[in-house]
Structure formats: C-alpha cells, structure tokens
Amino acid sequence: MSSPTGGDPRPEIHRTAQGDWVVVGRRCRACAEPVAYAWPRCPACAAAVEAAHFGPRGTVWSSTVVRIAVPGHTPPYSLAYVDLDDGPRVLAHVAGDEPAPIGRPAWLVGTSDAGDLQVEVDR
C-alpha cells in the first residue's frame, strides 16, 4: 500500500508549539471523515477535504508482537492500531516486546530513527 501521492505510506507527524506530537491529515468538509494522509478528496464520499491535526491522545484498538525479521526492524517488537481522539486509526510502534492492552490510553511520542510513528501506552 502506498500513500495517495506515491511516497512514504506512513502518516506525517510533527510537534506543536505546546510540545505535543500530532498526525497531520485531512478531514472531509461534507461528512467529517478523518484521514491520516494528504488525500486530495474524501475517501468516504469524494467531497473536498481540509487540513487537520489529530492526537496526541488516543485508545489502543488492537495490538500484536512481530516476531519475524523485517528489513530495518529487529524482532520482537510491538505494534498497535490506535484510534486517535476525534481522528483516524493509525498504526504505530509501541515500546517493548509485549502487546499493548486493548482499550488502554495511548499518546503520540514522535517517530523512531527509521521514521515509524511511535506511541506510549498506559499499561
């Protein structure tokens, strides 16, 4: 899967003036669908979108531990899908090698040296 612009498929993230990390994405002007990428139109209804920031907090929707070798990552490592508050669901790396508890609060903490979105989870 690639991004709508054909570049890096990971969400763009940056730090706010208050020091919080947020995902830079889009929100549909018609149906309010949140998207973690720079889509030119809403993927749900094809209406116009506007720039939006999501996070820094969310809730763990699902989690797993990867135990196979993937280029650029040393197993085992934990991944979680996080539903950002009032935003989209994003895939992020979680510190440690245990799955993040589903339903627990999580917050964006930046990106790894490899450019992967990272979250911390309230265990």
PDB file of N, CA and C in Angstrom:
ATOM      1  N   MET A   1       0.846  -1.170   0.000  1.00  0.00           N
ATOM      2  CA  MET A   1       0.000   0.000   0.000  1.00  0.00           C
ATOM      3  C   MET A   1       0.888   1.229   0.000  1.00  0.00           C
ATOM      4  N   SER A   2       0.551   2.196  -0.779  1.00  0.00           N
ATOM      5  CA  SER A   2       1.325   3.430  -0.812  1.00  0.00           C
ATOM      6  C   SER A   2       0.409   4.605  -0.525  1.00  0.00           C
ATOM      7  N   SER A   3       1.012   5.744  -0.274  1.00  0.00           N
ATOM      8  CA  SER A   3       0.230   6.938   0.006  1.00  0.00           C
ATOM      9  C   SER A   3      -0.405   7.440  -1.288  1.00  0.00           C
ATOM     10  N   PRO A   4      -1.381   8.358  -1.183  1.00  0.00           N
ATOM     11  CA  PRO A   4      -2.039   8.860  -2.391  1.00  0.00           C
ATOM     12  C   PRO A   4      -1.085   9.627  -3.295  1.00  0.00           C
ATOM     13  N   THR A   5       0.034  10.081  -2.758  1.00  0.00           N
ATOM     14  CA  THR A   5       0.999  10.805  -3.582  1.00  0.00           C
ATOM     15  C   THR A   5       2.107   9.890  -4.075  1.00  0.00           C
ATOM     16  N   GLY A   6       2.065   8.600  -3.691  1.00  0.00           N
ATOM     17  CA  GLY A   6       3.054   7.634  -4.154  1.00  0.00           C
ATOM     18  C   GLY A   6       4.336   7.611  -3.340  1.00  0.00           C
ATOM     19  N   GLY A   7       4.419   8.408  -2.281  1.00  0.00           N
ATOM     20  CA  GLY A   7       5.616   8.464  -1.449  1.00  0.00           C
ATOM     21  C   GLY A   7       5.527   7.524  -0.260  1.00  0.00           C
ATOM     22  N   ASP A   8       6.120   7.932   0.830  1.00  0.00           N
ATOM     23  CA  ASP A   8       6.146   7.159   2.069  1.00  0.00           C
ATOM     24  C   ASP A   8       4.706   6.965   2.578  1.00  0.00           C
ATOM     25  N   PRO A   9       4.284   5.725   2.859  1.00  0.00           N
ATOM     26  CA  PRO A   9       2.902   5.491   3.271  1.00  0.00           C
ATOM     27  C   PRO A   9       2.623   5.820   4.742  1.00  0.00           C
ATOM     28  N   ARG A  10       3.649   6.146   5.522  1.00  0.00           N
ATOM     29  CA  ARG A  10       3.424   6.442   6.934  1.00  0.00           C
ATOM     30  C   ARG A  10       2.860   7.853   7.104  1.00  0.00           C
ATOM     31  N   PRO A  11       2.004   8.039   8.126  1.00  0.00           N
ATOM     32  CA  PRO A  11       1.450   9.374   8.357  1.00  0.00           C
ATOM     33  C   PRO A  11       2.544  10.380   8.689  1.00  0.00           C
ATOM     34  N   GLU A  12       2.303  11.622   8.305  1.00  0.00           N
ATOM     35  CA  GLU A  12       3.212  12.706   8.669  1.00  0.00           C
ATOM     36  C   GLU A  12       2.900  13.120  10.106  1.00  0.00           C
ATOM     37  N   ILE A  13       3.935  13.406  10.878  1.00  0.00           N
ATOM     38  CA  ILE A  13       3.759  13.780  12.275  1.00  0.00           C
ATOM     39  C   ILE A  13       4.651  14.980  12.557  1.00  0.00           C
ATOM     40  N   HIS A  14       4.168  15.887  13.388  1.00  0.00           N
ATOM     41  CA  HIS A  14       5.022  16.992  13.812  1.00  0.00           C
ATOM     42  C   HIS A  14       4.651  17.435  15.220  1.00  0.00           C
ATOM     43  N   ARG A  15       5.529  18.232  15.813  1.00  0.00           N
ATOM     44  CA  ARG A  15       5.349  18.702  17.181  1.00  0.00           C
ATOM     45  C   ARG A  15       4.702  20.091  17.161  1.00  0.00           C
ATOM     46  N   THR A  16       3.707  20.286  18.018  1.00  0.00           N
ATOM     47  CA  THR A  16       3.032  21.578  18.111  1.00  0.00           C
ATOM     48  C   THR A  16       3.859  22.535  18.963  1.00  0.00           C
ATOM     49  N   ALA A  17       3.452  23.789  18.981  1.00  0.00           N
ATOM     50  CA  ALA A  17       4.127  24.797  19.811  1.00  0.00           C
ATOM     51  C   ALA A  17       4.030  24.441  21.298  1.00  0.00           C
ATOM     52  N   GLN A  18       2.999  23.678  21.670  1.00  0.00           N
ATOM     53  CA  GLN A  18       2.834  23.255  23.062  1.00  0.00           C
ATOM     54  C   GLN A  18       3.665  22.020  23.401  1.00  0.00           C
ATOM     55  N   GLY A  19       4.352  21.451  22.401  1.00  0.00           N
ATOM     56  CA  GLY A  19       5.208  20.290  22.626  1.00  0.00           C
ATOM     57  C   GLY A  19       4.549  18.949  22.386  1.00  0.00           C
ATOM     58  N   ASP A  20       3.270  18.947  21.984  1.00  0.00           N
ATOM     59  CA  ASP A  20       2.574  17.688  21.695  1.00  0.00           C
ATOM     60  C   ASP A  20       2.870  17.229  20.275  1.00  0.00           C
ATOM     61  N   TRP A  21       2.901  15.909  20.066  1.00  0.00           N
ATOM     62  CA  TRP A  21       3.026  15.346  18.723  1.00  0.00           C
ATOM     63  C   TRP A  21       1.629  15.165  18.159  1.00  0.00           C
ATOM     64  N   VAL A  22       1.452  15.495  16.884  1.00  0.00           N
ATOM     65  CA  VAL A  22       0.168  15.320  16.207  1.00  0.00           C
ATOM     66  C   VAL A  22       0.398  14.729  14.823  1.00  0.00           C
ATOM     67  N   VAL A  23      -0.600  13.997  14.343  1.00  0.00           N
ATOM     68  CA  VAL A  23      -0.596  13.475  12.980  1.00  0.00           C
ATOM     69  C   VAL A  23      -1.220  14.541  12.091  1.00  0.00           C
ATOM     70  N   VAL A  24      -0.567  14.827  10.968  1.00  0.00           N
ATOM     71  CA  VAL A  24      -1.062  15.793  10.001  1.00  0.00           C
ATOM     72  C   VAL A  24      -1.885  15.030   8.967  1.00  0.00           C
ATOM     73  N   GLY A  25      -3.144  15.393   8.817  1.00  0.00           N
ATOM     74  CA  GLY A  25      -4.003  14.692   7.871  1.00  0.00           C
ATOM     75  C   GLY A  25      -5.030  15.612   7.275  1.00  0.00           C
ATOM     76  N   ARG A  26      -6.190  15.048   6.976  1.00  0.00           N
ATOM     77  CA  ARG A  26      -7.291  15.788   6.373  1.00  0.00           C
ATOM     78  C   ARG A  26      -8.598  15.377   7.046  1.00  0.00           C
ATOM     79  N   ARG A  27      -9.580  16.290   6.987  1.00  0.00           N
ATOM     80  CA  ARG A  27     -10.939  15.987   7.436  1.00  0.00           C
ATOM     81  C   ARG A  27     -11.879  16.434   6.331  1.00  0.00           C
ATOM     82  N   CYS A  28     -12.868  15.602   6.048  1.00  0.00           N
ATOM     83  CA  CYS A  28     -13.838  15.905   4.991  1.00  0.00           C
ATOM     84  C   CYS A  28     -14.732  17.068   5.415  1.00  0.00           C
ATOM     85  N   ARG A  29     -14.942  17.996   4.498  1.00  0.00           N
ATOM     86  CA  ARG A  29     -15.813  19.143   4.768  1.00  0.00           C
ATOM     87  C   ARG A  29     -17.283  18.739   4.771  1.00  0.00           C
ATOM     88  N   ALA A  30     -17.620  17.649   4.106  1.00  0.00           N
ATOM     89  CA  ALA A  30     -19.027  17.226   3.999  1.00  0.00           C
ATOM     90  C   ALA A  30     -19.418  16.220   5.078  1.00  0.00           C
ATOM     91  N   CYS A  31     -18.654  15.144   5.221  1.00  0.00           N
ATOM     92  CA  CYS A  31     -19.050  14.067   6.141  1.00  0.00           C
ATOM     93  C   CYS A  31     -18.184  13.980   7.394  1.00  0.00           C
ATOM     94  N   ALA A  32     -17.133  14.813   7.484  1.00  0.00           N
ATOM     95  CA  ALA A  32     -16.232  14.895   8.644  1.00  0.00           C
ATOM     96  C   ALA A  32     -15.334  13.666   8.812  1.00  0.00           C
ATOM     97  N   GLU A  33     -15.234  12.819   7.793  1.00  0.00           N
ATOM     98  CA  GLU A  33     -14.350  11.646   7.849  1.00  0.00           C
ATOM     99  C   GLU A  33     -12.901  12.107   8.083  1.00  0.00           C
ATOM    100  N   PRO A  34     -12.233  11.574   9.132  1.00  0.00           N
ATOM    101  CA  PRO A  34     -10.826  11.920   9.347  1.00  0.00           C
ATOM    102  C   PRO A  34      -9.913  10.981   8.573  1.00  0.00           C
ATOM    103  N   VAL A  35      -8.860  11.519   8.003  1.00  0.00           N
ATOM    104  CA  VAL A  35      -7.909  10.730   7.229  1.00  0.00           C
ATOM    105  C   VAL A  35      -6.498  11.121   7.663  1.00  0.00           C
ATOM    106  N   ALA A  36      -5.637  10.146   7.881  1.00  0.00           N
ATOM    107  CA  ALA A  36      -4.284  10.408   8.367  1.00  0.00           C
ATOM    108  C   ALA A  36      -3.301  10.741   7.251  1.00  0.00           C
ATOM    109  N   TYR A  37      -3.788  10.962   6.059  1.00  0.00           N
ATOM    110  CA  TYR A  37      -2.904  11.215   4.922  1.00  0.00           C
ATOM    111  C   TYR A  37      -3.394  12.430   4.146  1.00  0.00           C
ATOM    112  N   ALA A  38      -2.584  12.888   3.225  1.00  0.00           N
ATOM    113  CA  ALA A  38      -2.902  14.078   2.426  1.00  0.00           C
ATOM    114  C   ALA A  38      -3.711  13.705   1.186  1.00  0.00           C
ATOM    115  N   TRP A  39      -4.853  13.055   1.369  1.00  0.00           N
ATOM    116  CA  TRP A  39      -5.713  12.693   0.253  1.00  0.00           C
ATOM    117  C   TRP A  39      -6.269  13.952  -0.392  1.00  0.00           C
ATOM    118  N   PRO A  40      -6.415  13.964  -1.726  1.00  0.00           N
ATOM    119  CA  PRO A  40      -6.955  15.151  -2.391  1.00  0.00           C
ATOM    120  C   PRO A  40      -8.472  15.282  -2.218  1.00  0.00           C
ATOM    121  N   ARG A  41      -9.176  14.160  -1.975  1.00  0.00           N
ATOM    122  CA  ARG A  41     -10.628  14.136  -1.778  1.00  0.00           C
ATOM    123  C   ARG A  41     -10.931  13.152  -0.659  1.00  0.00           C
ATOM    124  N   CYS A  42     -12.115  13.234  -0.111  1.00  0.00           N
ATOM    125  CA  CYS A  42     -12.529  12.323   0.951  1.00  0.00           C
ATOM    126  C   CYS A  42     -12.641  10.903   0.404  1.00  0.00           C
ATOM    127  N   PRO A  43     -12.005   9.922   1.061  1.00  0.00           N
ATOM    128  CA  PRO A  43     -12.109   8.540   0.582  1.00  0.00           C
ATOM    129  C   PRO A  43     -13.485   7.927   0.846  1.00  0.00           C
ATOM    130  N   ALA A  44     -14.283   8.541   1.715  1.00  0.00           N
ATOM    131  CA  ALA A  44     -15.609   8.005   2.019  1.00  0.00           C
ATOM    132  C   ALA A  44     -16.689   8.536   1.084  1.00  0.00           C
ATOM    133  N   CYS A  45     -16.622   9.860   0.755  1.00  0.00           N
ATOM    134  CA  CYS A  45     -17.707  10.439  -0.042  1.00  0.00           C
ATOM    135  C   CYS A  45     -17.229  11.281  -1.227  1.00  0.00           C
ATOM    136  N   ALA A  46     -15.916  11.404  -1.403  1.00  0.00           N
ATOM    137  CA  ALA A  46     -15.295  12.134  -2.521  1.00  0.00           C
ATOM    138  C   ALA A  46     -15.474  13.654  -2.447  1.00  0.00           C
ATOM    139  N   ALA A  47     -15.916  14.174  -1.311  1.00  0.00           N
ATOM    140  CA  ALA A  47     -16.056  15.624  -1.155  1.00  0.00           C
ATOM    141  C   ALA A  47     -14.691  16.261  -0.882  1.00  0.00           C
ATOM    142  N   ALA A  48     -14.682  17.581  -0.837  1.00  0.00           N
ATOM    143  CA  ALA A  48     -13.457  18.333  -0.550  1.00  0.00           C
ATOM    144  C   ALA A  48     -13.002  18.078   0.894  1.00  0.00           C
ATOM    145  N   VAL A  49     -11.701  18.138   1.096  1.00  0.00           N
ATOM    146  CA  VAL A  49     -11.123  17.954   2.430  1.00  0.00           C
ATOM    147  C   VAL A  49     -10.357  19.212   2.831  1.00  0.00           C
ATOM    148  N   GLU A  50     -10.099  19.321   4.139  1.00  0.00           N
ATOM    149  CA  GLU A  50      -9.290  20.421   4.639  1.00  0.00           C
ATOM    150  C   GLU A  50      -8.236  19.867   5.585  1.00  0.00           C
ATOM    151  N   ALA A  51      -7.149  20.595   5.744  1.00  0.00           N
ATOM    152  CA  ALA A  51      -6.065  20.167   6.619  1.00  0.00           C
ATOM    153  C   ALA A  51      -6.569  20.018   8.048  1.00  0.00           C
ATOM    154  N   ALA A  52      -6.048  19.004   8.746  1.00  0.00           N
ATOM    155  CA  ALA A  52      -6.430  18.767  10.137  1.00  0.00           C
ATOM    156  C   ALA A  52      -5.267  18.106  10.866  1.00  0.00           C
ATOM    157  N   HIS A  53      -5.226  18.295  12.168  1.00  0.00           N
ATOM    158  CA  HIS A  53      -4.230  17.637  13.025  1.00  0.00           C
ATOM    159  C   HIS A  53      -4.967  16.748  14.001  1.00  0.00           C
ATOM    160  N   PHE A  54      -4.407  15.563  14.260  1.00  0.00           N
ATOM    161  CA  PHE A  54      -5.056  14.589  15.127  1.00  0.00           C
ATOM    162  C   PHE A  54      -4.091  14.143  16.223  1.00  0.00           C
ATOM    163  N   GLY A  55      -4.637  13.909  17.398  1.00  0.00           N
ATOM    164  CA  GLY A  55      -3.819  13.483  18.516  1.00  0.00           C
ATOM    165  C   GLY A  55      -3.667  14.629  19.491  1.00  0.00           C
ATOM    166  N   PRO A  56      -2.836  14.506  20.454  1.00  0.00           N
ATOM    167  CA  PRO A  56      -1.807  13.495  20.628  1.00  0.00           C
ATOM    168  C   PRO A  56      -2.284  12.226  21.322  1.00  0.00           C
ATOM    169  N   ARG A  57      -3.543  12.211  21.808  1.00  0.00           N
ATOM    170  CA  ARG A  57      -4.010  11.064  22.587  1.00  0.00           C
ATOM    171  C   ARG A  57      -4.936  10.184  21.757  1.00  0.00           C
ATOM    172  N   GLY A  58      -5.051   8.943  22.207  1.00  0.00           N
ATOM    173  CA  GLY A  58      -5.932   8.004  21.554  1.00  0.00           C
ATOM    174  C   GLY A  58      -6.133   6.778  22.418  1.00  0.00           C
ATOM    175  N   THR A  59      -6.701   5.734  21.814  1.00  0.00           N
ATOM    176  CA  THR A  59      -7.002   4.490  22.519  1.00  0.00           C
ATOM    177  C   THR A  59      -6.529   3.318  21.671  1.00  0.00           C
ATOM    178  N   VAL A  60      -5.883   2.335  22.309  1.00  0.00           N
ATOM    179  CA  VAL A  60      -5.417   1.143  21.599  1.00  0.00           C
ATOM    180  C   VAL A  60      -6.630   0.352  21.115  1.00  0.00           C
ATOM    181  N   TRP A  61      -6.703   0.128  19.796  1.00  0.00           N
ATOM    182  CA  TRP A  61      -7.784  -0.645  19.196  1.00  0.00           C
ATOM    183  C   TRP A  61      -7.387  -2.116  19.062  1.00  0.00           C
ATOM    184  N   SER A  62      -6.124  -2.353  18.709  1.00  0.00           N
ATOM    185  CA  SER A  62      -5.606  -3.706  18.528  1.00  0.00           C
ATOM    186  C   SER A  62      -4.089  -3.659  18.660  1.00  0.00           C
ATOM    187  N   SER A  63      -3.488  -4.795  18.995  1.00  0.00           N
ATOM    188  CA  SER A  63      -2.037  -4.811  19.169  1.00  0.00           C
ATOM    189  C   SER A  63      -1.493  -6.210  18.899  1.00  0.00           C
ATOM    190  N   THR A  64      -0.224  -6.253  18.506  1.00  0.00           N
ATOM    191  CA  THR A  64       0.445  -7.525  18.252  1.00  0.00           C
ATOM    192  C   THR A  64       1.937  -7.372  18.483  1.00  0.00           C
ATOM    193  N   VAL A  65       2.613  -8.495  18.557  1.00  0.00           N
ATOM    194  CA  VAL A  65       4.074  -8.512  18.623  1.00  0.00           C
ATOM    195  C   VAL A  65       4.575  -9.193  17.361  1.00  0.00           C
ATOM    196  N   VAL A  66       5.476  -8.511  16.660  1.00  0.00           N
ATOM    197  CA  VAL A  66       6.067  -9.063  15.441  1.00  0.00           C
ATOM    198  C   VAL A  66       7.315  -9.829  15.840  1.00  0.00           C
ATOM    199  N   ARG A  67       7.377 -11.092  15.441  1.00  0.00           N
ATOM    200  CA  ARG A  67       8.497 -11.949  15.820  1.00  0.00           C
ATOM    201  C   ARG A  67       9.269 -12.469  14.609  1.00  0.00           C
ATOM    202  N   ILE A  68       9.029 -11.867  13.451  1.00  0.00           N
ATOM    203  CA  ILE A  68       9.753 -12.249  12.246  1.00  0.00           C
ATOM    204  C   ILE A  68      10.622 -11.088  11.795  1.00  0.00           C
ATOM    205  N   ALA A  69      11.682 -11.391  11.084  1.00  0.00           N
ATOM    206  CA  ALA A  69      12.582 -10.339  10.609  1.00  0.00           C
ATOM    207  C   ALA A  69      11.949  -9.579   9.454  1.00  0.00           C
ATOM    208  N   VAL A  70      11.985  -8.264   9.573  1.00  0.00           N
ATOM    209  CA  VAL A  70      11.526  -7.355   8.521  1.00  0.00           C
ATOM    210  C   VAL A  70      12.665  -6.363   8.312  1.00  0.00           C
ATOM    211  N   PRO A  71      13.037  -6.068   7.074  1.00  0.00           N
ATOM    212  CA  PRO A  71      14.150  -5.141   6.854  1.00  0.00           C
ATOM    213  C   PRO A  71      13.992  -3.837   7.654  1.00  0.00           C
ATOM    214  N   GLY A  72      15.040  -3.485   8.378  1.00  0.00           N
ATOM    215  CA  GLY A  72      15.053  -2.259   9.155  1.00  0.00           C
ATOM    216  C   GLY A  72      14.488  -2.376  10.559  1.00  0.00           C
ATOM    217  N   HIS A  73      13.985  -3.556  10.929  1.00  0.00           N
ATOM    218  CA  HIS A  73      13.398  -3.747  12.259  1.00  0.00           C
ATOM    219  C   HIS A  73      13.899  -5.057  12.855  1.00  0.00           C
ATOM    220  N   THR A  74      14.270  -5.024  14.113  1.00  0.00           N
ATOM    221  CA  THR A  74      14.773  -6.207  14.800  1.00  0.00           C
ATOM    222  C   THR A  74      13.668  -6.777  15.688  1.00  0.00           C
ATOM    223  N   PRO A  75      13.253  -8.014  15.438  1.00  0.00           N
ATOM    224  CA  PRO A  75      12.197  -8.609  16.261  1.00  0.00           C
ATOM    225  C   PRO A  75      12.737  -9.024  17.629  1.00  0.00           C
ATOM    226  N   PRO A  76      11.892  -9.178  18.613  1.00  0.00           N
ATOM    227  CA  PRO A  76      10.460  -8.880  18.570  1.00  0.00           C
ATOM    228  C   PRO A  76      10.211  -7.396  18.825  1.00  0.00           C
ATOM    229  N   TYR A  77       9.105  -6.897  18.257  1.00  0.00           N
ATOM    230  CA  TYR A  77       8.683  -5.522  18.533  1.00  0.00           C
ATOM    231  C   TYR A  77       7.161  -5.463  18.490  1.00  0.00           C
ATOM    232  N   SER A  78       6.625  -4.503  19.224  1.00  0.00           N
ATOM    233  CA  SER A  78       5.184  -4.384  19.385  1.00  0.00           C
ATOM    234  C   SER A  78       4.626  -3.310  18.456  1.00  0.00           C
ATOM    235  N   LEU A  79       3.477  -3.618  17.851  1.00  0.00           N
ATOM    236  CA  LEU A  79       2.731  -2.671  17.021  1.00  0.00           C
ATOM    237  C   LEU A  79       1.320  -2.556  17.581  1.00  0.00           C
ATOM    238  N   ALA A  80       0.728  -1.387  17.410  1.00  0.00           N
ATOM    239  CA  ALA A  80      -0.653  -1.200  17.840  1.00  0.00           C
ATOM    240  C   ALA A  80      -1.380  -0.305  16.848  1.00  0.00           C
ATOM    241  N   TYR A  81      -2.640  -0.619  16.619  1.00  0.00           N
ATOM    242  CA  TYR A  81      -3.531   0.316  15.949  1.00  0.00           C
ATOM    243  C   TYR A  81      -4.127   1.184  17.046  1.00  0.00           C
ATOM    244  N   VAL A  82      -4.020   2.496  16.861  1.00  0.00           N
ATOM    245  CA  VAL A  82      -4.515   3.450  17.852  1.00  0.00           C
ATOM    246  C   VAL A  82      -5.559   4.339  17.197  1.00  0.00           C
ATOM    247  N   ASP A  83      -6.743   4.409  17.820  1.00  0.00           N
ATOM    248  CA  ASP A  83      -7.779   5.335  17.384  1.00  0.00           C
ATOM    249  C   ASP A  83      -7.485   6.673  18.047  1.00  0.00           C
ATOM    250  N   LEU A  84      -7.025   7.638  17.243  1.00  0.00           N
ATOM    251  CA  LEU A  84      -6.728   8.957  17.792  1.00  0.00           C
ATOM    252  C   LEU A  84      -8.024   9.655  18.165  1.00  0.00           C
ATOM    253  N   ASP A  85      -8.026  10.367  19.296  1.00  0.00           N
ATOM    254  CA  ASP A  85      -9.219  11.086  19.733  1.00  0.00           C
ATOM    255  C   ASP A  85      -9.694  12.011  18.619  1.00  0.00           C
ATOM    256  N   ASP A  86     -10.958  11.859  18.226  1.00  0.00           N
ATOM    257  CA  ASP A  86     -11.583  12.662  17.174  1.00  0.00           C
ATOM    258  C   ASP A  86     -10.814  12.585  15.850  1.00  0.00           C
ATOM    259  N   GLY A  87     -10.146  11.451  15.618  1.00  0.00           N
ATOM    260  CA  GLY A  87      -9.348  11.324  14.407  1.00  0.00           C
ATOM    261  C   GLY A  87      -9.349   9.920  13.853  1.00  0.00           C
ATOM    262  N   PRO A  88      -8.401   9.651  12.968  1.00  0.00           N
ATOM    263  CA  PRO A  88      -8.327   8.343  12.314  1.00  0.00           C
ATOM    264  C   PRO A  88      -7.615   7.299  13.176  1.00  0.00           C
ATOM    265  N   ARG A  89      -7.631   6.088  12.700  1.00  0.00           N
ATOM    266  CA  ARG A  89      -6.874   4.987  13.292  1.00  0.00           C
ATOM    267  C   ARG A  89      -5.518   4.946  12.606  1.00  0.00           C
ATOM    268  N   VAL A  90      -4.431   4.840  13.404  1.00  0.00           N
ATOM    269  CA  VAL A  90      -3.082   4.795  12.851  1.00  0.00           C
ATOM    270  C   VAL A  90      -2.337   3.590  13.404  1.00  0.00           C
ATOM    271  N   LEU A  91      -1.387   3.092  12.630  1.00  0.00           N
ATOM    272  CA  LEU A  91      -0.514   2.009  13.055  1.00  0.00           C
ATOM    273  C   LEU A  91       0.745   2.621  13.641  1.00  0.00           C
ATOM    274  N   ALA A  92       1.131   2.167  14.834  1.00  0.00           N
ATOM    275  CA  ALA A  92       2.291   2.750  15.498  1.00  0.00           C
ATOM    276  C   ALA A  92       3.096   1.683  16.225  1.00  0.00           C
ATOM    277  N   HIS A  93       4.370   1.971  16.413  1.00  0.00           N
ATOM    278  CA  HIS A  93       5.249   1.122  17.208  1.00  0.00           C
ATOM    279  C   HIS A  93       5.070   1.475  18.677  1.00  0.00           C
ATOM    280  N   VAL A  94       5.133   0.453  19.532  1.00  0.00           N
ATOM    281  CA  VAL A  94       4.994   0.621  20.975  1.00  0.00           C
ATOM    282  C   VAL A  94       6.277   0.113  21.617  1.00  0.00           C
ATOM    283  N   ALA A  95       6.777   0.841  22.609  1.00  0.00           N
ATOM    284  CA  ALA A  95       7.996   0.414  23.300  1.00  0.00           C
ATOM    285  C   ALA A  95       7.792  -0.968  23.918  1.00  0.00           C
ATOM    286  N   GLY A  96       8.844  -1.780  23.855  1.00  0.00           N
ATOM    287  CA  GLY A  96       8.807  -3.106  24.460  1.00  0.00           C
ATOM    288  C   GLY A  96       8.452  -4.198  23.477  1.00  0.00           C
ATOM    289  N   ASP A  97       8.343  -5.396  24.008  1.00  0.00           N
ATOM    290  CA  ASP A  97       8.042  -6.551  23.157  1.00  0.00           C
ATOM    291  C   ASP A  97       6.824  -7.329  23.673  1.00  0.00           C
ATOM    292  N   GLU A  98       5.903  -6.613  24.314  1.00  0.00           N
ATOM    293  CA  GLU A  98       4.636  -7.184  24.755  1.00  0.00           C
ATOM    294  C   GLU A  98       3.512  -6.435  24.045  1.00  0.00           C
ATOM    295  N   PRO A  99       2.416  -7.119  23.743  1.00  0.00           N
ATOM    296  CA  PRO A  99       1.311  -6.406  23.092  1.00  0.00           C
ATOM    297  C   PRO A  99       0.735  -5.342  24.027  1.00  0.00           C
ATOM    298  N   ALA A 100       0.314  -4.227  23.461  1.00  0.00           N
ATOM    299  CA  ALA A 100      -0.323  -3.163  24.239  1.00  0.00           C
ATOM    300  C   ALA A 100      -1.736  -3.609  24.595  1.00  0.00           C
ATOM    301  N   PRO A 101      -2.172  -3.363  25.830  1.00  0.00           N
ATOM    302  CA  PRO A 101      -3.533  -3.762  26.211  1.00  0.00           C
ATOM    303  C   PRO A 101      -4.597  -2.992  25.419  1.00  0.00           C
ATOM    304  N   ILE A 102      -5.531  -3.732  24.851  1.00  0.00           N
ATOM    305  CA  ILE A 102      -6.614  -3.134  24.066  1.00  0.00           C
ATOM    306  C   ILE A 102      -7.485  -2.286  24.983  1.00  0.00           C
ATOM    307  N   GLY A 103      -7.867  -1.106  24.473  1.00  0.00           N
ATOM    308  CA  GLY A 103      -8.718  -0.204  25.225  1.00  0.00           C
ATOM    309  C   GLY A 103      -7.967   0.755  26.140  1.00  0.00           C
ATOM    310  N   ARG A 104      -6.653   0.629  26.197  1.00  0.00           N
ATOM    311  CA  ARG A 104      -5.864   1.494  27.077  1.00  0.00           C
ATOM    312  C   ARG A 104      -5.538   2.812  26.389  1.00  0.00           C
ATOM    313  N   PRO A 105      -5.390   3.883  27.184  1.00  0.00           N
ATOM    314  CA  PRO A 105      -4.973   5.165  26.617  1.00  0.00           C
ATOM    315  C   PRO A 105      -3.569   5.077  26.019  1.00  0.00           C
ATOM    316  N   ALA A 106      -3.367   5.807  24.937  1.00  0.00           N
ATOM    317  CA  ALA A 106      -2.059   5.877  24.271  1.00  0.00           C
ATOM    318  C   ALA A 106      -1.841   7.315  23.841  1.00  0.00           C
ATOM    319  N   TRP A 107      -0.586   7.686  23.620  1.00  0.00           N
ATOM    320  CA  TRP A 107      -0.285   9.036  23.157  1.00  0.00           C
ATOM    321  C   TRP A 107       0.918   9.006  22.245  1.00  0.00           C
ATOM    322  N   LEU A 108       0.913   9.902  21.272  1.00  0.00           N
ATOM    323  CA  LEU A 108       1.999  10.010  20.302  1.00  0.00           C
ATOM    324  C   LEU A 108       3.251  10.538  20.988  1.00  0.00           C
ATOM    325  N   VAL A 109       4.399   9.922  20.668  1.00  0.00           N
ATOM    326  CA  VAL A 109       5.670  10.363  21.259  1.00  0.00           C
ATOM    327  C   VAL A 109       6.726  10.645  20.207  1.00  0.00           C
ATOM    328  N   GLY A 110       6.341  10.715  18.934  1.00  0.00           N
ATOM    329  CA  GLY A 110       7.295  11.046  17.880  1.00  0.00           C
ATOM    330  C   GLY A 110       7.477   9.910  16.898  1.00  0.00           C
ATOM    331  N   THR A 111       8.646   9.900  16.273  1.00  0.00           N
ATOM    332  CA  THR A 111       8.983   8.850  15.320  1.00  0.00           C
ATOM    333  C   THR A 111      10.297   8.204  15.715  1.00  0.00           C
ATOM    334  N   SER A 112      10.481   6.981  15.271  1.00  0.00           N
ATOM    335  CA  SER A 112      11.732   6.265  15.510  1.00  0.00           C
ATOM    336  C   SER A 112      12.795   6.782  14.546  1.00  0.00           C
ATOM    337  N   ASP A 113      14.025   6.331  14.733  1.00  0.00           N
ATOM    338  CA  ASP A 113      15.099   6.691  13.805  1.00  0.00           C
ATOM    339  C   ASP A 113      14.774   6.239  12.385  1.00  0.00           C
ATOM    340  N   ALA A 114      13.974   5.173  12.261  1.00  0.00           N
ATOM    341  CA  ALA A 114      13.580   4.659  10.948  1.00  0.00           C
ATOM    342  C   ALA A 114      12.376   5.410  10.373  1.00  0.00           C
ATOM    343  N   GLY A 115      11.804   6.359  11.133  1.00  0.00           N
ATOM    344  CA  GLY A 115      10.672   7.139  10.648  1.00  0.00           C
ATOM    345  C   GLY A 115       9.308   6.564  10.977  1.00  0.00           C
ATOM    346  N   ASP A 116       9.263   5.544  11.836  1.00  0.00           N
ATOM    347  CA  ASP A 116       7.989   4.920  12.203  1.00  0.00           C
ATOM    348  C   ASP A 116       7.305   5.697  13.325  1.00  0.00           C
ATOM    349  N   LEU A 117       6.001   5.865  13.224  1.00  0.00           N
ATOM    350  CA  LEU A 117       5.203   6.507  14.247  1.00  0.00           C
ATOM    351  C   LEU A 117       5.326   5.713  15.539  1.00  0.00           C
ATOM    352  N   GLN A 118       5.515   6.408  16.676  1.00  0.00           N
ATOM    353  CA  GLN A 118       5.657   5.734  17.965  1.00  0.00           C
ATOM    354  C   GLN A 118       4.641   6.278  18.956  1.00  0.00           C
ATOM    355  N   VAL A 119       4.126   5.380  19.794  1.00  0.00           N
ATOM    356  CA  VAL A 119       3.220   5.756  20.871  1.00  0.00           C
ATOM    357  C   VAL A 119       3.680   5.124  22.171  1.00  0.00           C
ATOM    358  N   GLU A 120       3.269   5.743  23.264  1.00  0.00           N
ATOM    359  CA  GLU A 120       3.405   5.135  24.580  1.00  0.00           C
ATOM    360  C   GLU A 120       2.001   4.750  25.007  1.00  0.00           C
ATOM    361  N   VAL A 121       1.919   3.686  25.809  1.00  0.00           N
ATOM    362  CA  VAL A 121       0.624   3.178  26.230  1.00  0.00           C
ATOM    363  C   VAL A 121       0.585   3.126  27.741  1.00  0.00           C
ATOM    364  N   ASP A 122      -0.546   3.548  28.313  1.00  0.00           N
ATOM    365  CA  ASP A 122      -0.759   3.473  29.745  1.00  0.00           C
ATOM    366  C   ASP A 122      -1.060   2.016  30.083  1.00  0.00           C
ATOM    367  N   ARG A 123      -0.075   1.323  30.609  1.00  0.00           N
ATOM    368  CA  ARG A 123      -0.233  -0.108  30.917  1.00  0.00           C
ATOM    369  C   ARG A 123      -0.738  -0.259  32.321  1.00  0.00           C
TER     370      ARG A 123
END
